N, C-alpha and C. Protein backbone atom coordinates (compact mmCIF):
# COMPACT_ATOMS: atom_id res chain seq x y z
N MET A 1 14.16 -64.09 -25.24
CA MET A 1 12.70 -63.52 -24.45
C MET A 1 12.55 -63.81 -23.28
N THR A 2 12.81 -62.91 -21.36
CA THR A 2 12.83 -63.38 -20.89
C THR A 2 11.65 -63.53 -20.00
N ILE A 3 11.71 -63.51 -18.04
CA ILE A 3 10.48 -64.45 -17.85
C ILE A 3 10.25 -62.99 -17.57
N PHE A 4 10.95 -61.83 -17.48
CA PHE A 4 9.94 -61.09 -17.49
C PHE A 4 9.18 -60.11 -17.94
N GLU A 5 9.57 -60.34 -19.69
CA GLU A 5 9.06 -59.99 -21.20
C GLU A 5 7.66 -61.19 -20.86
N SER A 6 8.37 -62.46 -20.64
CA SER A 6 6.69 -63.40 -21.04
C SER A 6 5.99 -63.01 -19.69
N ILE A 7 6.24 -62.15 -18.44
CA ILE A 7 5.50 -62.63 -17.34
C ILE A 7 4.85 -60.75 -17.83
N ARG A 8 5.35 -59.78 -18.46
CA ARG A 8 4.82 -58.24 -18.57
C ARG A 8 3.78 -58.84 -19.67
N LYS A 9 4.14 -59.46 -20.43
CA LYS A 9 2.89 -60.25 -21.76
C LYS A 9 1.92 -60.08 -21.77
N ASP A 10 1.69 -61.21 -20.54
CA ASP A 10 0.57 -61.98 -19.46
C ASP A 10 0.23 -60.50 -19.07
N HIS A 11 0.60 -59.69 -18.41
CA HIS A 11 0.87 -58.80 -17.41
C HIS A 11 -0.97 -58.09 -18.76
N ASP A 12 -0.06 -57.62 -18.88
CA ASP A 12 -0.39 -56.35 -20.37
C ASP A 12 -1.90 -57.36 -20.74
N THR A 13 -2.01 -58.56 -20.90
CA THR A 13 -3.32 -59.14 -21.49
C THR A 13 -4.76 -59.01 -19.97
N GLN A 14 -4.37 -59.28 -19.36
CA GLN A 14 -5.41 -59.03 -17.91
C GLN A 14 -5.54 -57.45 -17.69
N ARG A 15 -4.81 -56.31 -18.29
CA ARG A 15 -5.37 -55.72 -18.01
C ARG A 15 -6.11 -54.88 -18.73
N HIS A 16 -6.00 -55.13 -20.10
CA HIS A 16 -6.60 -54.96 -20.75
C HIS A 16 -8.03 -56.10 -20.92
N LEU A 17 -8.47 -56.92 -20.30
CA LEU A 17 -9.72 -57.40 -20.31
C LEU A 17 -10.02 -57.27 -18.41
N LEU A 18 -9.59 -56.57 -17.55
CA LEU A 18 -9.96 -55.87 -16.69
C LEU A 18 -10.41 -54.65 -16.92
N ASP A 19 -10.17 -53.74 -18.01
CA ASP A 19 -10.42 -53.08 -18.58
C ASP A 19 -12.12 -52.66 -19.37
N ARG A 20 -12.14 -53.56 -20.41
CA ARG A 20 -13.53 -53.74 -20.93
C ARG A 20 -14.12 -54.84 -20.04
N LEU A 21 -14.17 -54.94 -18.52
CA LEU A 21 -14.42 -56.05 -17.89
C LEU A 21 -15.83 -54.69 -17.23
N VAL A 22 -15.12 -54.07 -16.41
CA VAL A 22 -15.37 -52.67 -15.73
C VAL A 22 -16.61 -52.20 -16.61
N LYS A 23 -17.05 -52.37 -17.99
CA LYS A 23 -16.76 -51.42 -18.36
C LYS A 23 -18.65 -52.27 -18.98
N THR A 24 -18.01 -53.18 -18.76
CA THR A 24 -19.67 -54.28 -18.86
C THR A 24 -20.65 -53.54 -17.88
N GLU A 25 -22.10 -54.13 -18.70
CA GLU A 25 -23.10 -53.79 -17.93
C GLU A 25 -24.40 -55.53 -17.65
N GLY A 26 -24.37 -55.51 -16.53
CA GLY A 26 -25.93 -56.70 -16.19
C GLY A 26 -25.36 -57.66 -16.88
N ASP A 27 -26.22 -58.54 -16.69
CA ASP A 27 -26.02 -59.90 -17.14
C ASP A 27 -25.84 -60.07 -18.53
N SER A 28 -24.79 -59.92 -19.56
CA SER A 28 -24.58 -60.14 -20.34
C SER A 28 -24.49 -61.15 -21.58
N ASP A 29 -23.84 -61.22 -22.19
CA ASP A 29 -23.40 -62.37 -22.99
C ASP A 29 -21.80 -61.61 -23.30
N GLN A 30 -21.82 -60.27 -22.77
CA GLN A 30 -20.64 -59.58 -23.26
C GLN A 30 -19.89 -59.69 -21.55
N ARG A 31 -20.09 -59.35 -20.32
CA ARG A 31 -19.35 -59.48 -19.58
C ARG A 31 -19.40 -60.82 -18.81
N ASP A 32 -19.91 -61.88 -19.70
CA ASP A 32 -20.06 -63.23 -19.05
C ASP A 32 -18.40 -63.32 -20.07
N ASP A 33 -18.53 -63.26 -21.44
CA ASP A 33 -17.32 -63.75 -22.10
C ASP A 33 -15.65 -63.22 -21.23
N ILE A 34 -16.18 -61.99 -20.82
CA ILE A 34 -14.94 -61.22 -21.21
C ILE A 34 -14.03 -61.95 -19.28
N TYR A 35 -14.96 -61.93 -18.38
CA TYR A 35 -14.93 -62.28 -17.46
C TYR A 35 -13.98 -64.08 -17.41
N LYS A 36 -14.78 -65.16 -17.66
CA LYS A 36 -14.31 -65.95 -18.07
C LYS A 36 -13.16 -66.06 -18.43
N SER A 37 -13.20 -66.06 -19.94
CA SER A 37 -11.73 -65.32 -19.80
C SER A 37 -10.52 -64.68 -19.62
N LEU A 38 -10.64 -63.80 -17.87
CA LEU A 38 -10.04 -62.88 -16.76
C LEU A 38 -9.84 -63.98 -16.40
N LYS A 39 -10.85 -65.00 -15.57
CA LYS A 39 -10.54 -65.99 -14.66
C LYS A 39 -10.04 -66.64 -15.23
N ASN A 40 -10.23 -67.31 -16.21
CA ASN A 40 -8.79 -68.34 -16.59
C ASN A 40 -7.18 -67.62 -17.20
N GLU A 41 -7.39 -66.35 -17.26
CA GLU A 41 -6.17 -65.55 -17.89
C GLU A 41 -5.57 -65.56 -16.17
N LEU A 42 -6.14 -65.17 -15.32
CA LEU A 42 -5.45 -64.87 -13.87
C LEU A 42 -5.33 -66.44 -13.03
N GLU A 43 -6.16 -67.32 -13.35
CA GLU A 43 -6.26 -68.91 -13.03
C GLU A 43 -4.69 -69.41 -12.90
N ILE A 44 -4.14 -69.62 -14.62
CA ILE A 44 -3.31 -70.45 -14.86
C ILE A 44 -1.88 -69.10 -14.92
N HIS A 45 -2.09 -68.16 -15.10
CA HIS A 45 -0.78 -66.98 -14.99
C HIS A 45 -0.85 -67.35 -13.49
N ALA A 46 -1.35 -67.64 -12.87
CA ALA A 46 -1.08 -67.49 -11.09
C ALA A 46 -0.39 -68.89 -11.23
N GLN A 47 -0.88 -70.29 -11.30
CA GLN A 47 -0.29 -70.87 -11.62
C GLN A 47 0.97 -70.59 -12.04
N ALA A 48 1.59 -70.73 -13.19
CA ALA A 48 2.59 -69.98 -14.11
C ALA A 48 3.53 -69.55 -12.98
N GLU A 49 2.94 -68.48 -12.73
CA GLU A 49 4.37 -67.03 -12.09
C GLU A 49 4.41 -68.27 -10.96
N GLU A 50 3.63 -68.56 -10.15
CA GLU A 50 4.21 -69.90 -8.90
C GLU A 50 5.27 -70.49 -8.67
N ARG A 51 4.93 -71.48 -10.60
CA ARG A 51 6.41 -72.35 -10.46
C ARG A 51 7.88 -72.00 -10.85
N HIS A 52 7.79 -70.49 -11.96
CA HIS A 52 8.55 -70.59 -12.39
C HIS A 52 9.30 -68.68 -12.66
N PHE A 53 8.71 -68.21 -11.13
CA PHE A 53 9.15 -67.21 -11.30
C PHE A 53 9.41 -66.93 -9.53
N TYR A 54 8.49 -67.15 -8.78
CA TYR A 54 8.38 -67.80 -7.14
C TYR A 54 9.41 -68.04 -6.41
N LYS A 55 8.50 -69.51 -6.93
CA LYS A 55 9.55 -70.52 -6.71
C LYS A 55 11.14 -70.60 -6.49
N PRO A 56 11.68 -70.22 -8.00
CA PRO A 56 13.43 -69.89 -7.99
C PRO A 56 13.82 -68.56 -7.24
N LEU A 57 11.79 -68.34 -6.24
CA LEU A 57 13.26 -67.03 -5.69
C LEU A 57 13.02 -66.71 -3.94
N ILE A 58 12.13 -68.23 -3.59
CA ILE A 58 11.73 -68.26 -2.45
C ILE A 58 12.75 -68.79 -1.57
N SER A 59 13.73 -69.43 -2.24
CA SER A 59 15.04 -70.24 -1.51
C SER A 59 16.28 -67.99 -1.03
N ASN A 60 16.21 -67.72 -1.66
CA ASN A 60 16.72 -66.53 -2.17
C ASN A 60 16.68 -65.05 -0.73
N ASP A 61 17.38 -65.01 0.20
CA ASP A 61 17.50 -64.37 1.22
C ASP A 61 16.79 -62.92 1.34
N MET A 62 16.93 -62.48 -0.19
CA MET A 62 16.82 -61.40 -0.45
C MET A 62 15.12 -60.99 -1.13
N MET A 63 14.79 -62.37 -2.01
CA MET A 63 13.51 -62.22 -2.02
C MET A 63 12.52 -63.15 -1.51
N GLN A 64 13.10 -63.70 -0.69
CA GLN A 64 11.86 -64.65 0.13
C GLN A 64 10.44 -63.96 0.34
N GLU A 65 10.51 -62.98 0.87
CA GLU A 65 10.18 -62.15 1.46
C GLU A 65 8.60 -61.92 0.32
N LYS A 66 9.78 -60.85 -0.39
CA LYS A 66 8.65 -60.37 -1.86
C LYS A 66 8.07 -61.84 -2.34
N ALA A 67 8.64 -63.10 -2.31
CA ALA A 67 7.65 -63.67 -3.00
C ALA A 67 6.65 -64.59 -2.62
N ARG A 68 6.70 -64.17 -1.40
CA ARG A 68 5.09 -65.33 -0.03
C ARG A 68 4.66 -64.36 -0.16
N HIS A 69 4.94 -63.32 -1.36
CA HIS A 69 4.48 -61.80 -0.78
C HIS A 69 3.03 -61.73 -2.17
N GLY A 70 3.84 -62.11 -3.05
CA GLY A 70 3.36 -62.24 -4.44
C GLY A 70 2.55 -63.34 -3.86
N ILE A 71 2.91 -64.28 -4.03
CA ILE A 71 1.89 -65.66 -3.76
C ILE A 71 0.27 -65.36 -2.64
N THR A 72 0.45 -64.62 -2.20
CA THR A 72 -0.58 -64.25 -0.96
C THR A 72 -1.25 -63.29 -1.48
N GLU A 73 -0.68 -62.25 -2.88
CA GLU A 73 -1.62 -61.54 -3.21
C GLU A 73 -2.81 -62.51 -4.50
N HIS A 74 -1.64 -63.19 -4.79
CA HIS A 74 -2.45 -64.40 -5.85
C HIS A 74 -3.63 -64.64 -4.91
N HIS A 75 -3.95 -65.49 -3.42
CA HIS A 75 -4.80 -65.76 -2.63
C HIS A 75 -5.75 -64.86 -2.45
N GLU A 76 -5.72 -63.82 -2.56
CA GLU A 76 -6.54 -62.33 -1.68
C GLU A 76 -6.81 -62.35 -4.02
N ILE A 77 -6.29 -62.20 -4.86
CA ILE A 77 -7.16 -62.16 -6.17
C ILE A 77 -8.43 -63.53 -6.32
N ASP A 78 -7.96 -64.92 -5.64
CA ASP A 78 -8.49 -65.79 -5.47
C ASP A 78 -10.19 -65.92 -4.66
N GLU A 79 -9.78 -64.78 -4.39
CA GLU A 79 -11.51 -65.30 -2.71
C GLU A 79 -12.02 -63.45 -3.33
N LEU A 80 -11.77 -62.73 -4.10
CA LEU A 80 -12.22 -61.82 -5.29
C LEU A 80 -13.21 -62.43 -6.18
N ILE A 81 -11.75 -63.79 -6.79
CA ILE A 81 -13.24 -64.21 -7.90
C ILE A 81 -14.13 -65.05 -7.58
N ASN A 82 -13.74 -65.27 -6.14
CA ASN A 82 -14.29 -66.40 -5.43
C ASN A 82 -16.25 -66.17 -5.30
N GLN A 83 -15.58 -64.70 -4.90
CA GLN A 83 -16.82 -63.32 -4.45
C GLN A 83 -17.95 -63.46 -5.29
N LEU A 84 -16.64 -62.70 -6.78
CA LEU A 84 -17.66 -62.75 -8.49
C LEU A 84 -18.72 -64.08 -8.44
N ASP A 85 -18.22 -64.79 -8.54
CA ASP A 85 -18.51 -66.45 -8.51
C ASP A 85 -19.80 -66.44 -8.06
N GLU A 86 -19.98 -66.06 -7.19
CA GLU A 86 -20.83 -66.40 -6.09
C GLU A 86 -21.54 -65.01 -5.89
N THR A 87 -21.86 -64.10 -7.10
CA THR A 87 -22.14 -62.48 -6.84
C THR A 87 -22.63 -63.10 -9.00
N ASP A 88 -24.55 -62.32 -8.62
CA ASP A 88 -25.26 -62.79 -9.85
C ASP A 88 -24.82 -61.31 -10.52
N TYR A 89 -24.55 -61.38 -11.89
CA TYR A 89 -23.96 -60.52 -12.63
C TYR A 89 -24.63 -59.35 -13.12
N SER A 90 -25.91 -59.59 -12.65
CA SER A 90 -26.75 -58.44 -12.94
C SER A 90 -27.22 -57.56 -11.41
N SER A 91 -26.10 -58.14 -10.00
CA SER A 91 -26.45 -57.44 -9.38
C SER A 91 -25.50 -56.12 -8.58
N SER A 92 -25.43 -54.84 -8.35
CA SER A 92 -24.41 -53.65 -8.79
C SER A 92 -23.38 -54.28 -7.82
N ALA A 93 -23.57 -55.77 -7.10
CA ALA A 93 -22.33 -55.58 -5.84
C ALA A 93 -21.66 -56.22 -6.75
N TRP A 94 -21.81 -56.58 -8.31
CA TRP A 94 -20.83 -57.66 -9.02
C TRP A 94 -19.77 -56.33 -9.64
N LEU A 95 -20.73 -55.35 -9.78
CA LEU A 95 -19.59 -54.28 -10.84
C LEU A 95 -18.66 -54.15 -9.68
N LYS A 96 -19.10 -53.88 -7.46
CA LYS A 96 -17.94 -53.21 -6.82
C LYS A 96 -17.17 -54.11 -6.81
N ILE A 97 -17.62 -55.52 -6.18
CA ILE A 97 -16.25 -56.49 -6.95
C ILE A 97 -15.29 -56.78 -7.32
N ALA A 98 -15.52 -56.56 -9.03
CA ALA A 98 -15.21 -56.61 -10.15
C ALA A 98 -13.99 -55.01 -10.92
N LYS A 99 -14.81 -54.40 -9.84
CA LYS A 99 -13.81 -52.88 -9.72
C LYS A 99 -12.43 -53.02 -8.47
N ASP A 100 -13.10 -53.79 -7.42
CA ASP A 100 -11.59 -53.46 -6.44
C ASP A 100 -11.22 -55.09 -6.94
N LEU A 101 -11.40 -56.26 -7.90
CA LEU A 101 -10.94 -57.79 -8.42
C LEU A 101 -9.56 -56.15 -9.78
N LYS A 102 -9.90 -55.06 -9.85
CA LYS A 102 -8.97 -54.87 -11.10
C LYS A 102 -7.66 -53.93 -10.41
N GLU A 103 -8.67 -53.35 -9.72
CA GLU A 103 -7.40 -52.71 -8.43
C GLU A 103 -6.87 -52.99 -8.13
N LYS A 104 -6.96 -54.56 -6.89
CA LYS A 104 -6.08 -55.05 -6.37
C LYS A 104 -5.02 -56.24 -7.04
N VAL A 105 -5.80 -56.74 -8.42
CA VAL A 105 -4.62 -56.96 -9.61
C VAL A 105 -3.84 -56.00 -10.15
N GLU A 106 -3.52 -54.81 -10.79
CA GLU A 106 -3.16 -53.88 -11.04
C GLU A 106 -2.02 -53.52 -9.73
N HIS A 107 -2.76 -53.28 -9.05
CA HIS A 107 -1.73 -52.93 -7.80
C HIS A 107 -0.33 -54.58 -7.75
N HIS A 108 -0.74 -55.70 -7.69
CA HIS A 108 0.50 -56.46 -7.71
C HIS A 108 0.74 -56.85 -9.10
N LEU A 109 -0.02 -56.29 -9.95
CA LEU A 109 1.21 -56.51 -11.10
C LEU A 109 2.14 -55.27 -10.96
N GLU A 110 1.76 -53.35 -10.64
CA GLU A 110 2.21 -53.08 -10.54
C GLU A 110 3.76 -53.03 -9.16
N ASP A 111 3.51 -54.18 -8.22
CA ASP A 111 4.46 -54.37 -7.28
C ASP A 111 5.30 -55.24 -8.27
N GLU A 112 5.73 -56.70 -8.71
CA GLU A 112 6.12 -57.24 -9.68
C GLU A 112 6.81 -56.61 -10.77
N GLU A 113 6.45 -55.87 -11.83
CA GLU A 113 6.68 -55.18 -12.11
C GLU A 113 7.71 -53.94 -12.11
N HIS A 114 7.80 -53.35 -10.73
CA HIS A 114 8.31 -51.76 -10.61
C HIS A 114 9.41 -52.74 -9.08
N VAL A 115 8.85 -53.28 -8.75
CA VAL A 115 9.98 -53.37 -7.52
C VAL A 115 10.57 -55.02 -7.65
N PHE A 116 10.22 -55.94 -7.48
CA PHE A 116 10.10 -57.63 -7.98
C PHE A 116 10.59 -58.07 -8.94
N PHE A 117 10.19 -57.45 -9.94
CA PHE A 117 11.52 -57.33 -11.68
C PHE A 117 12.66 -57.64 -11.42
N GLN A 118 13.58 -55.90 -10.24
CA GLN A 118 14.76 -55.16 -10.51
C GLN A 118 15.53 -55.94 -9.71
N LEU A 119 14.13 -56.65 -8.44
CA LEU A 119 15.61 -57.60 -7.31
C LEU A 119 15.28 -59.32 -7.41
N ALA A 120 14.79 -59.31 -8.58
CA ALA A 120 14.31 -60.60 -9.32
C ALA A 120 15.73 -60.98 -9.89
N GLY A 121 16.46 -59.56 -10.99
CA GLY A 121 17.06 -59.31 -12.45
C GLY A 121 18.54 -58.95 -11.38
N LYS A 122 19.11 -59.02 -9.94
CA LYS A 122 19.78 -59.03 -9.27
C LYS A 122 20.07 -60.98 -9.46
N VAL A 123 19.48 -61.48 -9.31
CA VAL A 123 19.14 -62.93 -8.08
C VAL A 123 19.36 -63.94 -9.33
N PHE A 124 18.57 -64.06 -10.60
CA PHE A 124 18.97 -64.65 -11.58
C PHE A 124 20.02 -63.91 -12.83
N ASN A 125 20.99 -65.33 -13.37
CA ASN A 125 21.40 -65.17 -14.77
C ASN A 125 20.79 -65.06 -15.79
N GLU A 126 21.11 -64.48 -16.92
CA GLU A 126 20.70 -64.55 -18.28
C GLU A 126 20.06 -66.01 -18.56
N ASN A 127 20.68 -66.94 -18.22
CA ASN A 127 20.39 -68.55 -18.41
C ASN A 127 19.01 -68.68 -18.08
N GLU A 128 18.74 -68.48 -16.75
CA GLU A 128 18.42 -68.88 -16.20
C GLU A 128 16.55 -68.43 -16.21
N LYS A 129 16.89 -67.16 -16.68
CA LYS A 129 16.63 -65.78 -16.98
C LYS A 129 15.15 -66.33 -18.32
N GLU A 130 15.76 -66.79 -19.52
CA GLU A 130 15.84 -67.50 -20.87
C GLU A 130 14.53 -68.81 -20.00
N SER A 131 15.46 -69.27 -19.78
CA SER A 131 14.80 -71.40 -19.21
C SER A 131 13.84 -71.25 -18.66
N LEU A 132 13.91 -69.17 -17.98
CA LEU A 132 13.09 -70.13 -16.84
C LEU A 132 10.75 -69.70 -17.76
N ALA A 133 11.53 -68.31 -18.84
CA ALA A 133 10.61 -67.92 -19.24
C ALA A 133 10.14 -68.66 -20.62
N LYS A 134 10.42 -69.89 -20.95
CA LYS A 134 10.37 -71.14 -21.66
C LYS A 134 9.79 -71.74 -21.01
N GLN A 135 9.58 -72.36 -19.81
CA GLN A 135 9.65 -72.46 -19.15
C GLN A 135 7.70 -72.37 -17.99
N TYR A 136 7.65 -71.47 -18.20
CA TYR A 136 6.60 -70.40 -18.15
C TYR A 136 6.08 -69.94 -19.45
N SER A 137 6.15 -70.02 -20.38
CA SER A 137 5.36 -69.79 -21.88
C SER A 137 5.02 -71.33 -22.19
N ASP A 138 5.64 -72.30 -21.97
CA ASP A 138 4.93 -73.27 -22.34
C ASP A 138 4.10 -73.87 -21.06
N TYR A 139 4.05 -73.40 -19.85
CA TYR A 139 2.80 -73.52 -19.16
C TYR A 139 1.61 -73.18 -18.77
N MET A 140 1.94 -71.95 -19.83
CA MET A 140 0.66 -71.20 -20.07
C MET A 140 0.10 -72.02 -21.57
N VAL A 141 1.52 -71.63 -22.33
CA VAL A 141 0.49 -72.21 -24.06
C VAL A 141 -0.41 -74.17 -23.24
N ASN A 142 0.24 -74.27 -22.47
CA ASN A 142 -0.42 -76.16 -22.48
C ASN A 142 -1.65 -75.83 -21.46
N ASN A 143 -1.69 -74.34 -20.48
CA ASN A 143 -2.94 -74.62 -19.85
C ASN A 143 -3.99 -73.45 -20.04
N LEU A 144 -3.63 -72.79 -21.73
CA LEU A 144 -4.72 -72.00 -21.14
C LEU A 144 -5.93 -72.17 -22.01
């Protein structure tokens, strides 16, 4: 498995959780469970991705700006999560922020899958792609 396949698998998990989250209503156990799962997934994924995808790319001239952009988007996602944490589940504002989060995350995933992965594929050799996948996957397993 390559780093791209490993990351894409987690992206699919995030999309699924986001779809489920925005269909929840009010201060419910379902909303709480899905949100906590998504929040944890996004947090650990961002850490793993920054260590085992962006960090190796940031020293490459072609990828430096893209890597910085990706990390910046992680911080924007964190800010939306902080807003959700500070808003009551029962508030109408909560669902609006959750939908903003869904939009931001999906935009970020599209950037990575349709732009960053293609460019990074030219930077990493096959051994690096597999080695980074193992490091990324190990990090996810040990921290989720």
